């Protein structure tokens, strides 16, 4: 069950940051400061969930 939670966390982070990066690249979208702050915060959360050691 632990693996599933980590996979879902990784999916969530990519689901937030990926479309934002695509919009910048393909659509010429100019993100505001909250977009720029929010995407790394999401990816940092993913890193904490996926990579922090856990006792089993």
Protein backbone atom coordinates (compact mmCIF):
# COMPACT_ATOMS: atom_id res chain seq x y z
CA UNK A 1 0.00 0.00 0.00
CA UNK A 2 2.91 2.35 0.65
CA UNK A 3 4.03 2.15 -2.97
CA UNK A 4 0.57 3.14 -4.20
CA UNK A 5 0.61 6.29 -2.08
CA UNK A 6 4.01 7.27 -3.42
CA UNK A 7 2.93 6.64 -6.99
CA UNK A 8 -0.18 8.76 -6.49
CA UNK A 9 1.91 11.55 -4.96
CA UNK A 10 4.25 11.52 -7.94
CA UNK A 11 1.28 11.60 -10.30
CA UNK A 12 -0.22 14.54 -8.42
CA UNK A 13 2.95 16.60 -8.64
CA UNK A 14 3.40 15.89 -12.32
CA UNK A 15 -0.30 16.63 -12.88
CA UNK A 16 0.21 20.14 -11.46
CA UNK A 17 3.63 21.08 -12.85
CA UNK A 18 3.39 19.30 -16.22
CA UNK A 19 0.42 21.16 -17.68
CA UNK A 20 1.85 24.45 -16.45
CA UNK A 21 5.14 23.76 -18.25
CA UNK A 22 3.26 22.71 -21.38
CA UNK A 23 1.16 25.87 -21.34
CA UNK A 24 4.31 27.99 -21.10
CA UNK A 25 6.01 26.10 -23.92
CA UNK A 26 3.17 25.43 -26.36
CA UNK A 27 0.64 28.15 -25.69
CA UNK A 28 2.86 31.07 -24.76
CA UNK A 29 1.22 31.29 -21.32
CA UNK A 30 3.01 33.68 -18.96
CA UNK A 31 2.70 32.35 -15.41
CA UNK A 32 2.30 34.78 -12.55
CA UNK A 33 4.35 34.58 -9.38
CA UNK A 34 1.86 32.23 -7.69
CA UNK A 35 2.15 29.75 -10.55
CA UNK A 36 5.92 29.93 -10.31
CA UNK A 37 5.83 29.45 -6.52
CA UNK A 38 3.10 26.80 -6.53
CA UNK A 39 4.59 24.32 -8.99
CA UNK A 40 7.87 23.82 -7.05
CA UNK A 41 5.91 23.61 -3.79
CA UNK A 42 3.91 20.73 -5.29
CA UNK A 43 7.07 19.02 -6.55
CA UNK A 44 8.72 19.49 -3.15
CA UNK A 45 5.73 17.81 -1.54
CA UNK A 46 6.11 14.92 -3.98
CA UNK A 47 9.80 14.63 -3.09
CA UNK A 48 8.98 14.48 0.63
CA UNK A 49 6.35 11.80 0.13
CA UNK A 50 8.40 9.70 -2.27
CA UNK A 51 11.95 9.97 -0.94
CA UNK A 52 11.79 10.41 2.84
CA UNK A 53 12.81 7.13 4.47
CA UNK A 54 10.08 5.33 6.34
CA UNK A 55 10.24 2.58 8.90
CA UNK A 56 8.48 -0.59 7.79
